[in-house]
Protein backbone atom coordinates (compact mmCIF):
# COMPACT_ATOMS: atom_id res chain seq x y z
CA UNK A 1 -6.38 6.02 -24.83
CA UNK A 2 -4.39 4.45 -27.57
CA UNK A 3 -0.81 5.54 -27.99
CA UNK A 4 -0.36 7.24 -24.74
CA UNK A 5 3.24 7.70 -23.92
CA UNK A 6 4.72 5.94 -20.94
CA UNK A 7 8.00 6.36 -19.17
CA UNK A 8 9.57 4.40 -16.37
CA UNK A 9 11.72 5.61 -13.49
CA UNK A 10 13.80 3.16 -11.39
CA UNK A 11 17.02 3.44 -9.33
CA UNK A 12 19.10 0.34 -9.20
CA UNK A 13 20.64 -0.26 -5.79
CA UNK A 14 18.10 2.12 -4.14
CA UNK A 15 14.72 0.36 -4.62
CA UNK A 16 15.15 -0.80 -8.28
CA UNK A 17 11.70 -0.89 -10.18
CA UNK A 18 9.62 -2.09 -7.32
CA UNK A 19 7.58 -5.15 -7.86
CA UNK A 20 7.39 -5.22 -11.61
CA UNK A 21 6.44 -1.55 -12.16
CA UNK A 22 8.76 -1.41 -15.03
CA UNK A 23 7.72 -4.56 -17.03
CA UNK A 24 3.81 -4.26 -16.60
CA UNK A 25 3.66 -1.78 -19.44
CA UNK A 26 4.70 -4.61 -21.96
CA UNK A 27 1.24 -6.12 -21.37
CA UNK A 28 -0.24 -2.90 -22.89
CA UNK A 29 0.77 -2.83 -26.63
CA UNK A 30 -1.56 0.09 -27.33
CA UNK A 31 0.66 2.16 -25.15
CA UNK A 32 4.03 3.57 -26.31
CA UNK A 33 7.01 3.23 -24.05
CA UNK A 34 9.15 6.14 -24.72
CA UNK A 35 12.15 5.91 -22.22
CA UNK A 36 13.48 4.87 -18.75
CA UNK A 37 15.58 6.73 -16.21
CA UNK A 38 18.04 5.15 -13.71
CA UNK A 39 20.87 6.93 -11.95
CA UNK A 40 22.91 3.67 -11.87
CA UNK A 41 24.49 3.13 -15.19
CA UNK A 42 24.65 -0.75 -15.26
CA UNK A 43 20.94 -0.72 -14.11
CA UNK A 44 19.99 1.90 -16.71
CA UNK A 45 21.55 -0.17 -19.48
CA UNK A 46 20.00 -3.42 -18.23
CA UNK A 47 16.54 -1.72 -17.85
CA UNK A 48 16.77 -0.21 -21.34
CA UNK A 49 17.49 -3.59 -22.83
CA UNK A 50 14.79 -5.42 -20.70
CA UNK A 51 12.09 -2.86 -21.68
CA UNK A 52 13.18 -2.27 -25.28
CA UNK A 53 13.25 1.38 -24.24
CA UNK A 54 14.16 3.83 -27.16
CA UNK A 55 15.85 6.18 -24.84
CA UNK A 56 17.60 5.94 -21.41
CA UNK A 57 18.56 8.73 -19.04
CA UNK A 58 20.64 9.13 -15.78
CA UNK A 59 18.37 12.06 -14.74
CA UNK A 60 14.65 11.52 -14.59
CA UNK A 61 13.90 15.15 -14.98
CA UNK A 62 15.67 14.90 -18.47
CA UNK A 63 13.54 11.85 -19.33
CA UNK A 64 10.39 13.76 -18.46
CA UNK A 65 11.18 16.81 -20.41
CA UNK A 66 12.62 15.09 -23.51
CA UNK A 67 10.22 12.29 -23.98
CA UNK A 68 7.02 14.15 -22.61
CA UNK A 69 5.20 11.05 -21.40
CA UNK A 70 1.44 11.18 -20.55
CA UNK A 71 2.21 8.49 -17.60
CA UNK A 72 5.10 7.60 -15.54
CA UNK A 73 5.72 4.58 -13.44
CA UNK A 74 7.67 5.46 -10.44
CA UNK A 75 9.35 2.15 -9.58
CA UNK A 76 11.85 2.79 -6.63
CA UNK A 77 10.90 1.08 -3.23
CA UNK A 78 12.92 3.62 -1.31
CA UNK A 79 10.64 6.20 0.19
CA UNK A 80 13.17 9.05 0.24
CA UNK A 81 12.69 9.53 -3.62
CA UNK A 82 9.05 9.35 -3.83
CA UNK A 83 8.12 12.87 -2.95
CA UNK A 84 10.50 14.49 -5.42
CA UNK A 85 9.56 12.25 -8.27
CA UNK A 86 5.98 12.74 -7.73
CA UNK A 87 6.22 16.45 -7.65
CA UNK A 88 8.41 16.55 -10.74
CA UNK A 89 5.81 14.55 -12.69
CA UNK A 90 2.84 16.38 -11.34
CA UNK A 91 4.35 19.89 -12.18
CA UNK A 92 4.57 18.66 -15.85
CA UNK A 93 0.90 17.37 -15.91
CA UNK A 94 1.74 13.55 -15.89
CA UNK A 95 -0.20 10.92 -14.42
CA UNK A 96 1.55 8.37 -12.18
CA UNK A 97 1.65 4.75 -11.03
CA UNK A 98 3.67 4.77 -7.82
CA UNK A 99 5.13 1.82 -5.74
CA UNK A 100 4.11 1.81 -2.12
CA UNK A 101 4.16 3.03 0.68
CA UNK A 102 3.71 6.54 -0.80
CA UNK A 103 6.05 8.65 1.19
CA UNK A 104 7.99 9.04 4.58
CA UNK A 105 6.02 11.74 6.40
CA UNK A 106 2.56 13.31 6.33
CA UNK A 107 4.28 16.68 5.39
CA UNK A 108 5.49 14.97 2.22
CA UNK A 109 2.02 13.37 1.53
CA UNK A 110 0.34 16.82 2.12
CA UNK A 111 2.69 18.19 -0.70
CA UNK A 112 1.85 15.37 -2.95
CA UNK A 113 -1.67 15.83 -2.63
CA UNK A 114 -1.55 19.45 -3.32
CA UNK A 115 0.54 18.98 -6.36
CA UNK A 116 -1.72 16.17 -7.83
CA UNK A 117 -4.81 18.52 -7.17
CA UNK A 118 -3.11 21.72 -8.58
CA UNK A 119 -2.17 20.02 -11.92
CA UNK A 120 -5.15 17.80 -12.33
CA UNK A 121 -3.37 14.49 -12.57
CA UNK A 122 -4.09 11.00 -11.41
CA UNK A 123 -1.79 9.06 -9.07
CA UNK A 124 -2.51 5.31 -8.44
CA UNK A 125 -0.61 3.41 -5.66
CA UNK A 126 0.58 -0.31 -6.26
CA UNK A 127 -1.50 -1.60 -3.32
CA UNK A 128 -2.36 -4.60 -5.39
CA UNK A 129 -5.14 -6.24 -3.18
CA UNK A 130 -7.20 -3.06 -3.92
CA UNK A 131 -7.42 -3.88 -7.61
CA UNK A 132 -8.39 -7.56 -7.05
CA UNK A 133 -11.78 -8.91 -8.24
CA UNK A 134 -11.91 -10.88 -4.81
CA UNK A 135 -11.89 -7.59 -2.94
CA UNK A 136 -15.14 -6.52 -4.70
CA UNK A 137 -16.70 -9.94 -3.28
CA UNK A 138 -15.59 -9.17 0.09
CA UNK A 139 -17.08 -5.75 -0.15
CA UNK A 140 -20.38 -7.23 -1.40
CA UNK A 141 -20.55 -9.96 1.35
CA UNK A 142 -20.04 -7.25 4.04
CA UNK A 143 -22.74 -4.88 2.40
CA UNK A 144 -25.16 -7.86 2.08
CA UNK A 145 -24.75 -8.63 5.83
CA UNK A 146 -23.04 -11.95 5.63
CA UNK A 147 -21.05 -11.40 8.79
CA UNK A 148 -23.56 -8.99 10.28
CA UNK A 149 -22.50 -5.77 11.78
CA UNK A 150 -18.68 -5.07 11.52
CA UNK A 151 -17.09 -4.97 14.84
CA UNK A 152 -13.43 -5.43 14.64
CA UNK A 153 -10.53 -5.37 12.16
CA UNK A 154 -7.40 -7.36 12.84
CA UNK A 155 -4.06 -7.33 10.94
CA UNK A 156 -0.49 -8.37 11.23
CA UNK A 157 2.47 -8.10 8.91
CA UNK A 158 4.86 -10.88 8.11
CA UNK A 159 6.72 -10.41 11.27
CA UNK A 160 10.02 -11.66 9.91
CA UNK A 161 13.52 -9.85 10.55
CA UNK A 162 11.74 -6.69 9.82
CA UNK A 163 9.08 -7.31 12.55
CA UNK A 164 8.04 -4.11 14.46
CA UNK A 165 8.76 -0.65 12.92
CA UNK A 166 9.83 -1.82 9.60
CA UNK A 167 7.15 -4.39 9.13
CA UNK A 168 4.60 -1.59 10.08
CA UNK A 169 5.91 0.45 7.06
CA UNK A 170 6.74 -2.02 4.49
CA UNK A 171 4.09 -4.71 4.85
CA UNK A 172 1.57 -2.96 7.23
CA UNK A 173 0.82 -0.41 4.65
CA UNK A 174 -1.10 -3.13 2.69
CA UNK A 175 -3.21 -3.95 5.77
CA UNK A 176 -3.93 -0.44 6.61
CA UNK A 177 -5.06 0.43 3.11
CA UNK A 178 -7.52 -2.55 3.39
CA UNK A 179 -8.64 -1.56 7.04
CA UNK A 180 -9.47 2.04 5.60
CA UNK A 181 -11.16 0.67 2.45
CA UNK A 182 -13.37 -1.62 4.41
CA UNK A 183 -13.65 -0.19 7.84
CA UNK A 184 -14.10 3.59 6.80
CA UNK A 185 -12.13 6.74 8.02
CA UNK A 186 -9.81 6.23 11.09
CA UNK A 187 -10.49 8.73 13.79
CA UNK A 188 -7.93 7.85 16.29
CA UNK A 189 -4.80 5.71 17.27
CA UNK A 190 -3.42 4.33 20.54
CA UNK A 191 -0.37 2.52 20.31
CA UNK A 192 2.95 1.47 21.97
CA UNK A 193 6.42 0.56 20.49
CA UNK A 194 9.08 -1.41 22.23
CA UNK A 195 12.68 -2.31 21.58
CA UNK A 196 14.34 -5.25 23.09
CA UNK A 197 11.59 -5.34 25.66
CA UNK A 198 11.48 -1.71 26.71
CA UNK A 199 9.60 1.30 25.49
CA UNK A 200 11.28 3.01 22.63
CA UNK A 201 13.26 6.15 23.52
CA UNK A 202 15.27 8.50 21.41
CA UNK A 203 18.31 6.36 22.01
CA UNK A 204 16.53 3.48 19.96
CA UNK A 205 16.04 5.59 17.05
CA UNK A 206 18.18 4.78 13.96
CA UNK A 207 17.89 5.51 10.06
CA UNK A 208 15.38 2.89 8.70
CA UNK A 209 16.04 0.64 5.67
CA UNK A 210 14.90 1.54 2.23
CA UNK A 211 14.94 5.29 2.90
CA UNK A 212 12.15 5.11 5.47
CA UNK A 213 13.73 7.80 7.76
CA UNK A 214 13.94 7.74 11.46
CA UNK A 215 12.83 4.29 12.64
CA UNK A 216 12.56 2.15 15.76
CA UNK A 217 10.88 -0.78 17.42
CA UNK A 218 11.09 -4.60 17.17
CA UNK A 219 7.59 -4.99 18.54
CA UNK A 220 4.47 -2.81 18.44
CA UNK A 221 0.79 -3.00 19.08
CA UNK A 222 -1.90 -0.47 17.79
CA UNK A 223 -5.64 0.22 18.18
CA UNK A 224 -7.68 2.27 16.02
CA UNK A 225 -11.23 3.73 16.02
CA UNK A 226 -13.08 3.93 12.63
CA UNK A 227 -16.24 5.40 11.46
CA UNK A 228 -19.27 3.63 12.83
CA UNK A 229 -17.81 2.29 16.00
CA UNK A 230 -15.60 -0.20 14.21
CA UNK A 231 -12.18 -1.05 16.08
CA UNK A 232 -8.98 -2.07 14.32
CA UNK A 233 -5.92 -3.64 15.72
CA UNK A 234 -2.55 -4.14 14.11
CA UNK A 235 0.50 -5.68 15.81
CA UNK A 236 4.06 -6.92 14.68
CA UNK A 237 6.76 -8.66 16.54
CA UNK A 238 10.26 -9.48 15.04
CA UNK A 239 10.84 -13.16 14.21
CA UNK A 240 7.42 -14.09 15.29
CA UNK A 241 6.03 -15.05 11.88
CA UNK A 242 6.24 -18.10 9.66
CA UNK A 243 6.31 -16.75 6.04
CA UNK A 244 3.31 -14.71 5.27
CA UNK A 245 0.89 -17.14 7.27
CA UNK A 246 -0.73 -14.17 9.09
CA UNK A 247 -0.14 -11.44 6.67
CA UNK A 248 -3.51 -10.09 5.93
CA UNK A 249 -6.77 -8.85 7.43
CA UNK A 250 -9.62 -10.48 9.31
CA UNK A 251 -13.01 -8.74 9.44
CA UNK A 252 -15.07 -9.80 12.51
CA UNK A 253 -18.75 -9.23 12.41
CA UNK A 254 -21.78 -10.04 14.70
CA UNK A 255 -22.53 -13.04 12.71
CA UNK A 256 -19.04 -14.31 11.49
CA UNK A 257 -15.67 -13.52 9.96
CA UNK A 258 -14.16 -12.78 6.64
CA UNK A 259 -10.36 -13.02 6.15
CA UNK A 260 -8.48 -11.61 3.08
CA UNK A 261 -4.73 -12.13 2.57
CA UNK A 262 -2.81 -9.81 0.01
CA UNK A 263 -2.30 -10.13 -3.72
CA UNK A 264 -3.94 -9.75 -7.05
CA UNK A 265 -6.02 -13.05 -6.28
CA UNK A 266 -5.59 -13.55 -2.58
CA UNK A 267 -6.85 -16.22 -0.38
CA UNK A 268 -10.17 -15.28 1.15
CA UNK A 269 -12.02 -17.29 3.69
CA UNK A 270 -15.65 -16.90 5.27
CA UNK A 271 -16.79 -18.40 8.67
CA UNK A 272 -20.47 -18.26 9.23
CA UNK A 273 -20.30 -18.29 13.01
CA UNK A 274 -21.00 -15.70 15.66
CA UNK A 275 -18.96 -17.62 18.08
CA UNK A 276 -15.87 -16.82 15.96
CA UNK A 277 -14.68 -20.34 16.71
CA UNK A 278 -14.61 -23.07 14.04
CA UNK A 279 -14.85 -26.42 15.90
CA UNK A 280 -16.74 -24.94 18.75
CA UNK A 281 -19.51 -23.94 16.45
CA UNK A 282 -21.26 -26.05 13.84
CA UNK A 283 -19.58 -24.37 10.72
CA UNK A 284 -16.17 -24.53 9.24
CA UNK A 285 -14.25 -21.95 7.14
CA UNK A 286 -15.36 -21.81 3.45
CA UNK A 287 -13.13 -20.45 0.70
CA UNK A 288 -14.37 -17.41 -1.28
CA UNK A 289 -13.47 -17.23 -5.00
CA UNK A 290 -14.14 -14.17 -7.40
CA UNK A 291 -17.49 -15.88 -8.01
CA UNK A 292 -18.61 -16.07 -4.33
CA UNK A 293 -18.57 -18.44 -1.23
CA UNK A 294 -17.73 -21.88 -1.88
CA UNK A 295 -17.61 -21.51 -5.80
CA UNK A 296 -14.61 -22.63 -8.04
CA UNK A 297 -12.13 -19.93 -8.89
CA UNK A 298 -12.43 -19.23 -12.54
CA UNK A 299 -9.37 -16.88 -12.64
CA UNK A 300 -5.65 -17.64 -12.75
CA UNK A 301 -3.55 -15.73 -10.16
CA UNK A 302 -1.25 -13.65 -12.09
CA UNK A 303 1.05 -12.91 -9.08
CA UNK A 304 2.55 -9.39 -8.82
CA UNK A 305 2.59 -9.04 -12.53
CA UNK A 306 -1.02 -9.63 -12.68
CA UNK A 307 -1.75 -7.27 -9.84
CA UNK A 308 0.13 -4.45 -11.72
CA UNK A 309 -1.95 -5.17 -14.84
CA UNK A 310 -5.27 -4.70 -12.94
CA UNK A 311 -3.93 -1.48 -11.30
CA UNK A 312 -2.76 -0.09 -14.60
CA UNK A 313 -6.04 -0.95 -16.19
CA UNK A 314 -7.79 0.96 -13.41
CA UNK A 315 -5.46 3.84 -13.86
CA UNK A 316 -6.26 4.04 -17.54
CA UNK A 317 -9.91 4.05 -16.94
CA UNK A 318 -9.63 6.72 -14.25
CA UNK A 319 -7.99 8.94 -16.75
CA UNK A 320 -10.39 8.39 -19.30
CA UNK A 321 -13.34 8.82 -16.99
CA UNK A 322 -11.81 11.58 -15.05
CA UNK A 323 -12.19 9.99 -11.76
CA UNK A 324 -9.69 8.96 -8.90
CA UNK A 325 -8.07 5.55 -9.19
CA UNK A 326 -9.29 2.81 -7.04
CA UNK A 327 -6.15 3.35 -4.71
CA UNK A 328 -5.51 7.02 -5.11
CA UNK A 329 -3.11 9.71 -3.49
CA UNK A 330 -5.75 10.31 -0.90
CA UNK A 331 -5.89 6.57 0.11
CA UNK A 332 -1.95 6.79 0.32
CA UNK A 333 -2.24 9.57 2.81
CA UNK A 334 -4.60 7.95 5.01
CA UNK A 335 -2.17 4.87 5.13
CA UNK A 336 0.67 7.26 6.03
CA UNK A 337 -1.70 8.72 8.82
CA UNK A 338 -2.13 5.44 10.27
CA UNK A 339 1.58 4.38 10.33
CA UNK A 340 2.56 7.74 11.77
CA UNK A 341 -0.22 7.56 14.24
CA UNK A 342 1.46 4.62 15.95
CA UNK A 343 4.79 6.60 16.45
CA UNK A 344 2.92 9.83 17.37
CA UNK A 345 0.71 7.92 20.04
CA UNK A 346 3.80 6.31 21.45
CA UNK A 347 5.45 9.60 21.61
CA UNK A 348 2.52 11.33 23.48
CA UNK A 349 1.96 8.16 25.64
CA UNK A 350 -1.82 8.29 24.83
CA UNK A 351 -4.40 8.09 22.08
CA UNK A 352 -3.99 10.73 19.23
CA UNK A 353 -6.70 11.96 16.81
CA UNK A 354 -6.53 11.41 12.90
CA UNK A 355 -5.74 13.30 10.86
CA UNK A 356 -2.61 14.11 13.17
CA UNK A 357 -1.82 17.53 13.92
CA UNK A 358 2.04 16.65 13.68
CA UNK A 359 3.04 16.15 10.17
CA UNK A 360 6.70 15.32 10.98
CA UNK A 361 8.19 11.84 11.73
CA UNK A 362 7.27 11.53 15.48
CA UNK A 363 10.49 9.58 16.12
CA UNK A 364 12.56 12.55 15.38
CA UNK A 365 10.74 14.50 18.17
CA UNK A 366 11.13 11.98 21.03
């Protein structure tokens, strides 16, 4: 894997370089950074200096054709650019590390999956919690029966000024990815979306921030059915959160609860109590480290940068071993299914099956 060629795509003013998807490559001296692309001139100049890139381009197609990288970091947070950038890379046989969420619609997700499959390339998504060593501990605790039979999954976003539809996309995507990973395949969704106290109609639909596409809702609630009879819940309400206090996932089992927040070394808690009520039962919440329940944490939280390092390390191993990355294009599509399912259920005023038949943005069809 030594001397693989890496290029970076950003777009200053339209999603920039995500959460450090440009600088992570500086932590891998065995890789060769060959160039950067940014349509914004000032941003391009700054990125080239920051990354010590030997070449800089306004057009990312030119970057791909002239530098011929093996891997490209697709950094912009704005979703309206992801589909085209992924297809351009895949058609040239280039592996990718992509900012989340993956794309705007299921139609785009289908195109991205098809391109990755056709050209036999790997795509890893920057859902950083998926690469955390603590998530492995959570999986093992569930498999070992520490909380008994998994019954429910409950998640919320940050519920700040983005609460509702935007929270669903930008932060809920992390929660849905964890739900899918720990709960199995989603089979159905039943949801409602509201704006200023009334059910969303076509008059409430507006262009969303960050290139999301048609968007609506300052409050929503969704229920999902997963394999094995597990039920999942997600809700978000504008201005109802306090920082990221509730941003994460709780896994309720017949014997207790596990709670995992988000990040490269997230807070994880365990409650050995079938009552699901610390204080009413005899037990209290116990912290969980990468070594297990109640054990000191030997690792240092590297923040977003550390999470990117873990993700890139996994992508490099996936390329070498010819396997899917821990968080792959397929995982990304399921996350979009779960997001789109909320709006499709609202549109149909009832439960909808997943995978969805409708691959368009449901809000455009109200």
